[in-house]
């Protein structure tokens, strides 16, 4: 994923968290960066009580890339 937000003053990380929260339809204060705050590779933490139905998200991602979701 590429973000338009610059990688200064934590703006790119904030944009990533906001984008992912919107995609999986949870409040943005429920999602946080677990690892990779200064790296291109990120790991997000989403508490299980806030966890969405990821199967729908995976299916949507597969449709956008033209691949079948497994």
PDB file of N, CA and C in Angstrom:
ATOM      1  N   UNK A   1       0.843  -1.148   0.000  1.00  0.00           N
ATOM      2  CA  UNK A   1       0.000   0.000   0.000  1.00  0.00           C
ATOM      3  C   UNK A   1       0.897   1.222   0.000  1.00  0.00           C
ATOM      4  N   UNK A   2       0.522   2.219  -0.736  1.00  0.00           N
ATOM      5  CA  UNK A   2       1.254   3.480  -0.753  1.00  0.00           C
ATOM      6  C   UNK A   2       0.347   4.575  -0.222  1.00  0.00           C
ATOM      7  N   UNK A   3       0.928   5.437   0.583  1.00  0.00           N
ATOM      8  CA  UNK A   3       0.177   6.533   1.177  1.00  0.00           C
ATOM      9  C   UNK A   3       0.643   7.860   0.606  1.00  0.00           C
ATOM     10  N   UNK A   4      -0.268   8.790   0.494  1.00  0.00           N
ATOM     11  CA  UNK A   4       0.088  10.119   0.017  1.00  0.00           C
ATOM     12  C   UNK A   4       0.662  10.975   1.138  1.00  0.00           C
ATOM     13  N   UNK A   5       0.414  10.596   2.388  1.00  0.00           N
ATOM     14  CA  UNK A   5       0.905  11.379   3.529  1.00  0.00           C
ATOM     15  C   UNK A   5       2.420  11.266   3.615  1.00  0.00           C
ATOM     16  N   UNK A   6       3.098  12.370   3.934  1.00  0.00           N
ATOM     17  CA  UNK A   6       4.558  12.328   4.036  1.00  0.00           C
ATOM     18  C   UNK A   6       5.014  11.556   5.273  1.00  0.00           C
ATOM     19  N   UNK A   7       6.188  10.984   5.190  1.00  0.00           N
ATOM     20  CA  UNK A   7       6.742  10.212   6.306  1.00  0.00           C
ATOM     21  C   UNK A   7       7.483  11.130   7.271  1.00  0.00           C
ATOM     22  N   UNK A   8       6.866  12.217   7.637  1.00  0.00           N
ATOM     23  CA  UNK A   8       7.432  13.143   8.623  1.00  0.00           C
ATOM     24  C   UNK A   8       6.395  13.409   9.703  1.00  0.00           C
ATOM     25  N   UNK A   9       6.879  13.628  10.903  1.00  0.00           N
ATOM     26  CA  UNK A   9       6.012  13.914  12.055  1.00  0.00           C
ATOM     27  C   UNK A   9       4.916  12.863  12.233  1.00  0.00           C
ATOM     28  N   UNK A  10       5.218  11.620  11.888  1.00  0.00           N
ATOM     29  CA  UNK A  10       4.297  10.491  12.086  1.00  0.00           C
ATOM     30  C   UNK A  10       3.017  10.602  11.251  1.00  0.00           C
ATOM     31  N   UNK A  11       2.991  11.463  10.241  1.00  0.00           N
ATOM     32  CA  UNK A  11       1.790  11.661   9.434  1.00  0.00           C
ATOM     33  C   UNK A  11       1.430  10.425   8.613  1.00  0.00           C
ATOM     34  N   UNK A  12       2.419   9.733   8.087  1.00  0.00           N
ATOM     35  CA  UNK A  12       2.129   8.531   7.286  1.00  0.00           C
ATOM     36  C   UNK A  12       1.542   7.426   8.168  1.00  0.00           C
ATOM     37  N   UNK A  13       2.075   7.251   9.351  1.00  0.00           N
ATOM     38  CA  UNK A  13       1.533   6.233  10.258  1.00  0.00           C
ATOM     39  C   UNK A  13       0.101   6.568  10.655  1.00  0.00           C
ATOM     40  N   UNK A  14      -0.165   7.830  10.950  1.00  0.00           N
ATOM     41  CA  UNK A  14      -1.518   8.251  11.306  1.00  0.00           C
ATOM     42  C   UNK A  14      -2.475   8.026  10.138  1.00  0.00           C
ATOM     43  N   UNK A  15      -2.020   8.321   8.929  1.00  0.00           N
ATOM     44  CA  UNK A  15      -2.855   8.115   7.741  1.00  0.00           C
ATOM     45  C   UNK A  15      -3.142   6.629   7.534  1.00  0.00           C
ATOM     46  N   UNK A  16      -2.137   5.790   7.764  1.00  0.00           N
ATOM     47  CA  UNK A  16      -2.333   4.345   7.630  1.00  0.00           C
ATOM     48  C   UNK A  16      -3.380   3.844   8.620  1.00  0.00           C
ATOM     49  N   UNK A  17      -3.266   4.252   9.884  1.00  0.00           N
ATOM     50  CA  UNK A  17      -4.222   3.805  10.900  1.00  0.00           C
ATOM     51  C   UNK A  17      -5.631   4.290  10.581  1.00  0.00           C
ATOM     52  N   UNK A  18      -5.757   5.513  10.145  1.00  0.00           N
ATOM     53  CA  UNK A  18      -7.070   6.050   9.787  1.00  0.00           C
ATOM     54  C   UNK A  18      -7.661   5.300   8.591  1.00  0.00           C
ATOM     55  N   UNK A  19      -6.833   5.040   7.576  1.00  0.00           N
ATOM     56  CA  UNK A  19      -7.295   4.321   6.388  1.00  0.00           C
ATOM     57  C   UNK A  19      -7.738   2.902   6.744  1.00  0.00           C
ATOM     58  N   UNK A  20      -6.913   2.197   7.504  1.00  0.00           N
ATOM     59  CA  UNK A  20      -7.245   0.807   7.849  1.00  0.00           C
ATOM     60  C   UNK A  20      -8.489   0.739   8.729  1.00  0.00           C
ATOM     61  N   UNK A  21      -8.636   1.660   9.668  1.00  0.00           N
ATOM     62  CA  UNK A  21      -9.828   1.681  10.515  1.00  0.00           C
ATOM     63  C   UNK A  21     -11.083   1.884   9.666  1.00  0.00           C
ATOM     64  N   UNK A  22     -10.992   2.757   8.695  1.00  0.00           N
ATOM     65  CA  UNK A  22     -12.147   2.993   7.810  1.00  0.00           C
ATOM     66  C   UNK A  22     -12.444   1.765   6.958  1.00  0.00           C
ATOM     67  N   UNK A  23     -11.402   1.079   6.471  1.00  0.00           N
ATOM     68  CA  UNK A  23     -11.598  -0.092   5.621  1.00  0.00           C
ATOM     69  C   UNK A  23     -12.264  -1.241   6.362  1.00  0.00           C
ATOM     70  N   UNK A  24     -11.884  -1.434   7.620  1.00  0.00           N
ATOM     71  CA  UNK A  24     -12.448  -2.560   8.376  1.00  0.00           C
ATOM     72  C   UNK A  24     -13.567  -2.118   9.310  1.00  0.00           C
ATOM     73  N   UNK A  25     -13.946  -0.843   9.177  1.00  0.00           N
ATOM     74  CA  UNK A  25     -15.125  -0.286   9.848  1.00  0.00           C
ATOM     75  C   UNK A  25     -15.074  -0.422  11.369  1.00  0.00           C
ATOM     76  N   UNK A  26     -13.963   0.058  11.936  1.00  0.00           N
ATOM     77  CA  UNK A  26     -13.858   0.159  13.386  1.00  0.00           C
ATOM     78  C   UNK A  26     -13.409   1.583  13.715  1.00  0.00           C
ATOM     79  N   UNK A  27     -13.583   1.977  14.966  1.00  0.00           N
ATOM     80  CA  UNK A  27     -13.124   3.302  15.375  1.00  0.00           C
ATOM     81  C   UNK A  27     -11.609   3.346  15.312  1.00  0.00           C
ATOM     82  N   UNK A  28     -11.079   4.478  14.876  1.00  0.00           N
ATOM     83  CA  UNK A  28      -9.629   4.551  14.685  1.00  0.00           C
ATOM     84  C   UNK A  28      -8.849   4.491  15.989  1.00  0.00           C
ATOM     85  N   UNK A  29      -9.482   4.761  17.125  1.00  0.00           N
ATOM     86  CA  UNK A  29      -8.769   4.632  18.390  1.00  0.00           C
ATOM     87  C   UNK A  29      -8.671   3.174  18.847  1.00  0.00           C
ATOM     88  N   UNK A  30      -9.289   2.253  18.123  1.00  0.00           N
ATOM     89  CA  UNK A  30      -9.209   0.824  18.444  1.00  0.00           C
ATOM     90  C   UNK A  30      -8.054   0.125  17.740  1.00  0.00           C
ATOM     91  N   UNK A  31      -7.452   0.773  16.779  1.00  0.00           N
ATOM     92  CA  UNK A  31      -6.367   0.171  16.011  1.00  0.00           C
ATOM     93  C   UNK A  31      -5.080   0.929  16.337  1.00  0.00           C
ATOM     94  N   UNK A  32      -3.978   0.194  16.464  1.00  0.00           N
ATOM     95  CA  UNK A  32      -2.712   0.868  16.745  1.00  0.00           C
ATOM     96  C   UNK A  32      -1.567   0.168  16.041  1.00  0.00           C
ATOM     97  N   UNK A  33      -0.481   0.872  15.939  1.00  0.00           N
ATOM     98  CA  UNK A  33       0.727   0.346  15.324  1.00  0.00           C
ATOM     99  C   UNK A  33       1.459  -0.503  16.353  1.00  0.00           C
ATOM    100  N   UNK A  34       1.614  -1.793  16.076  1.00  0.00           N
ATOM    101  CA  UNK A  34       2.288  -2.700  17.011  1.00  0.00           C
ATOM    102  C   UNK A  34       3.789  -2.731  16.748  1.00  0.00           C
ATOM    103  N   UNK A  35       4.191  -2.551  15.513  1.00  0.00           N
ATOM    104  CA  UNK A  35       5.614  -2.572  15.159  1.00  0.00           C
ATOM    105  C   UNK A  35       5.806  -1.862  13.834  1.00  0.00           C
ATOM    106  N   UNK A  36       7.007  -1.305  13.649  1.00  0.00           N
ATOM    107  CA  UNK A  36       7.366  -0.710  12.376  1.00  0.00           C
ATOM    108  C   UNK A  36       7.109   0.773  12.264  1.00  0.00           C
ATOM    109  N   UNK A  37       7.117   1.483  13.387  1.00  0.00           N
ATOM    110  CA  UNK A  37       6.790   2.906  13.326  1.00  0.00           C
ATOM    111  C   UNK A  37       7.767   3.708  12.472  1.00  0.00           C
ATOM    112  N   UNK A  38       8.997   3.220  12.298  1.00  0.00           N
ATOM    113  CA  UNK A  38       9.969   3.927  11.454  1.00  0.00           C
ATOM    114  C   UNK A  38      10.388   3.087  10.247  1.00  0.00           C
ATOM    115  N   UNK A  39       9.620   2.064   9.952  1.00  0.00           N
ATOM    116  CA  UNK A  39       9.946   1.140   8.867  1.00  0.00           C
ATOM    117  C   UNK A  39       8.868   1.186   7.797  1.00  0.00           C
ATOM    118  N   UNK A  40       9.201   0.687   6.608  1.00  0.00           N
ATOM    119  CA  UNK A  40       8.181   0.555   5.557  1.00  0.00           C
ATOM    120  C   UNK A  40       7.227  -0.593   5.853  1.00  0.00           C
ATOM    121  N   UNK A  41       7.698  -1.576   6.602  1.00  0.00           N
ATOM    122  CA  UNK A  41       6.853  -2.712   6.973  1.00  0.00           C
ATOM    123  C   UNK A  41       6.216  -2.427   8.325  1.00  0.00           C
ATOM    124  N   UNK A  42       4.915  -2.543   8.385  1.00  0.00           N
ATOM    125  CA  UNK A  42       4.151  -2.225   9.589  1.00  0.00           C
ATOM    126  C   UNK A  42       3.425  -3.460  10.084  1.00  0.00           C
ATOM    127  N   UNK A  43       3.181  -3.487  11.369  1.00  0.00           N
ATOM    128  CA  UNK A  43       2.339  -4.518  11.968  1.00  0.00           C
ATOM    129  C   UNK A  43       1.303  -3.792  12.811  1.00  0.00           C
ATOM    130  N   UNK A  44       0.035  -4.078  12.554  1.00  0.00           N
ATOM    131  CA  UNK A  44      -1.046  -3.404  13.253  1.00  0.00           C
ATOM    132  C   UNK A  44      -1.634  -4.313  14.322  1.00  0.00           C
ATOM    133  N   UNK A  45      -2.123  -3.692  15.396  1.00  0.00           N
ATOM    134  CA  UNK A  45      -2.812  -4.425  16.456  1.00  0.00           C
ATOM    135  C   UNK A  45      -4.270  -4.003  16.446  1.00  0.00           C
ATOM    136  N   UNK A  46      -5.150  -5.001  16.352  1.00  0.00           N
ATOM    137  CA  UNK A  46      -6.584  -4.761  16.401  1.00  0.00           C
ATOM    138  C   UNK A  46      -7.134  -5.675  17.486  1.00  0.00           C
ATOM    139  N   UNK A  47      -7.657  -5.125  18.581  1.00  0.00           N
ATOM    140  CA  UNK A  47      -8.184  -5.967  19.657  1.00  0.00           C
ATOM    141  C   UNK A  47      -9.308  -6.863  19.158  1.00  0.00           C
ATOM    142  N   UNK A  48      -9.398  -8.058  19.703  1.00  0.00           N
ATOM    143  CA  UNK A  48     -10.394  -9.025  19.213  1.00  0.00           C
ATOM    144  C   UNK A  48     -11.822  -8.530  19.382  1.00  0.00           C
ATOM    145  N   UNK A  49     -12.112  -7.766  20.438  1.00  0.00           N
ATOM    146  CA  UNK A  49     -13.483  -7.269  20.607  1.00  0.00           C
ATOM    147  C   UNK A  49     -13.845  -6.233  19.554  1.00  0.00           C
ATOM    148  N   UNK A  50     -12.845  -5.635  18.931  1.00  0.00           N
ATOM    149  CA  UNK A  50     -13.101  -4.654  17.877  1.00  0.00           C
ATOM    150  C   UNK A  50     -12.925  -5.259  16.501  1.00  0.00           C
ATOM    151  N   UNK A  51     -12.495  -6.497  16.463  1.00  0.00           N
ATOM    152  CA  UNK A  51     -12.140  -7.129  15.201  1.00  0.00           C
ATOM    153  C   UNK A  51     -13.298  -7.253  14.241  1.00  0.00           C
ATOM    154  N   UNK A  52     -13.065  -6.939  13.006  1.00  0.00           N
ATOM    155  CA  UNK A  52     -14.094  -7.024  11.973  1.00  0.00           C
ATOM    156  C   UNK A  52     -14.142  -8.423  11.360  1.00  0.00           C
ATOM    157  N   UNK A  53     -15.023  -8.590  10.419  1.00  0.00           N
ATOM    158  CA  UNK A  53     -15.090  -9.816   9.633  1.00  0.00           C
ATOM    159  C   UNK A  53     -14.079  -9.681   8.501  1.00  0.00           C
ATOM    160  N   UNK A  54     -12.903 -10.269   8.690  1.00  0.00           N
ATOM    161  CA  UNK A  54     -11.839 -10.117   7.702  1.00  0.00           C
ATOM    162  C   UNK A  54     -12.134 -10.853   6.398  1.00  0.00           C
ATOM    163  N   UNK A  55     -13.028 -11.830   6.414  1.00  0.00           N
ATOM    164  CA  UNK A  55     -13.313 -12.570   5.185  1.00  0.00           C
ATOM    165  C   UNK A  55     -13.879 -11.638   4.113  1.00  0.00           C
ATOM    166  N   UNK A  56     -14.709 -10.680   4.513  1.00  0.00           N
ATOM    167  CA  UNK A  56     -15.255  -9.727   3.549  1.00  0.00           C
ATOM    168  C   UNK A  56     -14.152  -8.827   2.998  1.00  0.00           C
ATOM    169  N   UNK A  57     -13.225  -8.417   3.856  1.00  0.00           N
ATOM    170  CA  UNK A  57     -12.124  -7.570   3.419  1.00  0.00           C
ATOM    171  C   UNK A  57     -11.201  -8.315   2.459  1.00  0.00           C
ATOM    172  N   UNK A  58     -10.920  -9.581   2.759  1.00  0.00           N
ATOM    173  CA  UNK A  58     -10.072 -10.395   1.889  1.00  0.00           C
ATOM    174  C   UNK A  58     -10.747 -10.597   0.536  1.00  0.00           C
ATOM    175  N   UNK A  59     -12.055 -10.853   0.556  1.00  0.00           N
ATOM    176  CA  UNK A  59     -12.789 -11.030  -0.702  1.00  0.00           C
ATOM    177  C   UNK A  59     -12.747  -9.753  -1.532  1.00  0.00           C
ATOM    178  N   UNK A  60     -12.897  -8.608  -0.876  1.00  0.00           N
ATOM    179  CA  UNK A  60     -12.855  -7.328  -1.576  1.00  0.00           C
ATOM    180  C   UNK A  60     -11.473  -7.098  -2.185  1.00  0.00           C
ATOM    181  N   UNK A  61     -10.429  -7.391  -1.435  1.00  0.00           N
ATOM    182  CA  UNK A  61      -9.064  -7.223  -1.941  1.00  0.00           C
ATOM    183  C   UNK A  61      -8.819  -8.132  -3.138  1.00  0.00           C
ATOM    184  N   UNK A  62      -9.332  -9.339  -3.107  1.00  0.00           N
ATOM    185  CA  UNK A  62      -9.199 -10.262  -4.214  1.00  0.00           C
ATOM    186  C   UNK A  62      -9.909  -9.772  -5.452  1.00  0.00           C
ATOM    187  N   UNK A  63     -11.062  -9.169  -5.261  1.00  0.00           N
ATOM    188  CA  UNK A  63     -11.815  -8.631  -6.398  1.00  0.00           C
ATOM    189  C   UNK A  63     -11.091  -7.467  -7.046  1.00  0.00           C
ATOM    190  N   UNK A  64     -10.426  -6.642  -6.241  1.00  0.00           N
ATOM    191  CA  UNK A  64      -9.715  -5.489  -6.777  1.00  0.00           C
ATOM    192  C   UNK A  64      -8.466  -5.902  -7.557  1.00  0.00           C
ATOM    193  N   UNK A  65      -7.856  -7.019  -7.181  1.00  0.00           N
ATOM    194  CA  UNK A  65      -6.638  -7.469  -7.872  1.00  0.00           C
ATOM    195  C   UNK A  65      -6.942  -8.499  -8.945  1.00  0.00           C
ATOM    196  N   UNK A  66      -8.213  -8.929  -9.006  1.00  0.00           N
ATOM    197  CA  UNK A  66      -8.572  -9.924 -10.004  1.00  0.00           C
ATOM    198  C   UNK A  66      -8.268 -11.349  -9.580  1.00  0.00           C
ATOM    199  N   UNK A  67      -7.928 -11.540  -8.313  1.00  0.00           N
ATOM    200  CA  UNK A  67      -7.628 -12.873  -7.800  1.00  0.00           C
ATOM    201  C   UNK A  67      -8.801 -13.402  -7.004  1.00  0.00           C
ATOM    202  N   UNK A  68      -8.873 -14.692  -6.902  1.00  0.00           N
ATOM    203  CA  UNK A  68      -9.890 -15.349  -6.094  1.00  0.00           C
ATOM    204  C   UNK A  68      -9.454 -15.342  -4.629  1.00  0.00           C
ATOM    205  N   UNK A  69     -10.342 -14.983  -3.703  1.00  0.00           N
ATOM    206  CA  UNK A  69     -10.029 -15.056  -2.273  1.00  0.00           C
ATOM    207  C   UNK A  69     -10.061 -16.515  -1.844  1.00  0.00           C
ATOM    208  N   UNK A  70      -9.134 -16.876  -0.960  1.00  0.00           N
ATOM    209  CA  UNK A  70      -9.065 -18.270  -0.492  1.00  0.00           C
ATOM    210  C   UNK A  70      -9.600 -18.392   0.900  1.00  0.00           C
TER     211      UNK A  70
END
